[in-house]
Amino acid sequence: MATALIITVFFLGTFYFQHAVGYGALRTGLLFLPVAAATMFGANLTGRAIAKAGARPLAVTGLLITAIGMALTRSHLRH
């Protein structure tokens, strides 16, 4: 489910940034770079973190971080 949502955000976000906001392909790609890097970094740490903390606290933390990131992106687009 998370993978499908991330792919959807990248796909629809690309259309939004390029067509509605008017950003070029390079700028749009660079906007998504921190998300891609954080996803790779987080995936690398997940196995060890689940063993220590359990799945539920990590899922809640991940969803909160995602919500904060989306809120920051949205507030950036308003200005």
Protein backbone atom coordinates (compact mmCIF):
# COMPACT_ATOMS: atom_id res chain seq x y z
CA MET A 1 0.00 0.00 0.00
CA ALA A 2 2.76 2.45 0.92
CA THR A 3 4.58 1.75 -2.34
CA ALA A 4 1.43 2.39 -4.35
CA LEU A 5 0.88 5.68 -2.53
CA ILE A 6 4.46 6.84 -3.03
CA ILE A 7 4.34 6.00 -6.75
CA THR A 8 1.05 7.88 -7.04
CA VAL A 9 2.51 10.94 -5.29
CA PHE A 10 5.49 10.94 -7.66
CA PHE A 11 3.31 10.41 -10.74
CA LEU A 12 0.61 12.97 -9.95
CA GLY A 13 3.07 15.33 -8.29
CA THR A 14 5.11 15.44 -11.48
CA PHE A 15 2.06 16.52 -13.47
CA TYR A 16 1.16 19.09 -10.84
CA PHE A 17 4.60 20.66 -10.57
CA GLN A 18 5.19 20.74 -14.33
CA HIS A 19 1.74 21.75 -15.58
CA ALA A 20 0.01 23.64 -12.76
CA VAL A 21 3.02 25.30 -11.16
CA GLY A 22 5.13 25.55 -14.33
CA TYR A 23 8.35 23.97 -13.04
CA GLY A 24 10.69 22.29 -15.49
CA ALA A 25 11.57 18.62 -15.46
CA LEU A 26 14.88 19.14 -13.67
CA ARG A 27 13.39 21.28 -10.89
CA THR A 28 10.54 18.80 -10.44
CA GLY A 29 12.99 15.91 -10.19
CA LEU A 30 15.10 17.78 -7.66
CA LEU A 31 12.01 18.41 -5.52
CA PHE A 32 11.43 14.67 -5.29
CA LEU A 33 15.08 13.83 -4.61
CA PRO A 34 14.89 14.27 -0.79
CA VAL A 35 11.86 11.97 -0.67
CA ALA A 36 13.64 9.29 -2.69
CA ALA A 37 16.82 9.57 -0.60
CA ALA A 38 14.88 9.45 2.68
CA THR A 39 12.95 6.41 1.45
CA MET A 40 16.17 4.53 0.62
CA PHE A 41 17.80 5.54 3.91
CA GLY A 42 14.70 4.60 5.91
CA ALA A 43 14.30 1.25 4.17
CA ASN A 44 17.87 0.40 5.08
CA LEU A 45 17.24 1.04 8.78
CA THR A 46 13.79 -0.50 9.03
CA GLY A 47 14.77 -4.10 9.74
CA ARG A 48 16.89 -3.26 12.76
CA ALA A 49 14.39 -0.71 14.06
CA ILE A 50 11.46 -3.15 13.89
CA ALA A 51 13.47 -5.68 15.86
CA LYS A 52 14.13 -3.12 18.60
CA ALA A 53 10.92 -1.06 18.76
CA GLY A 54 8.23 -3.16 17.08
CA ALA A 55 6.21 -2.44 13.96
CA ARG A 56 3.39 -0.31 15.40
CA PRO A 57 5.46 2.56 16.85
CA LEU A 58 7.47 2.75 13.64
CA ALA A 59 4.34 2.81 11.49
CA VAL A 60 2.85 5.65 13.53
CA THR A 61 6.13 7.58 13.41
CA GLY A 62 6.42 7.07 9.67
CA LEU A 63 2.89 8.29 9.05
CA LEU A 64 3.47 11.37 11.21
CA ILE A 65 6.69 12.20 9.36
CA THR A 66 4.88 11.76 6.05
CA ALA A 67 2.05 14.06 7.15
CA ILE A 68 4.53 16.73 8.25
CA GLY A 69 6.39 16.46 4.95
CA MET A 70 3.21 16.79 2.93
CA ALA A 71 2.11 19.77 5.03
CA LEU A 72 5.46 21.49 4.46
CA THR A 73 5.21 20.85 0.73
CA ARG A 74 1.70 22.25 0.65
CA SER A 75 2.65 25.36 2.62
CA HIS A 76 5.62 25.90 0.28
CA LEU A 77 3.34 25.83 -2.75
CA ARG A 78 1.07 28.53 -1.33
CA HIS A 79 3.90 31.09 -1.22
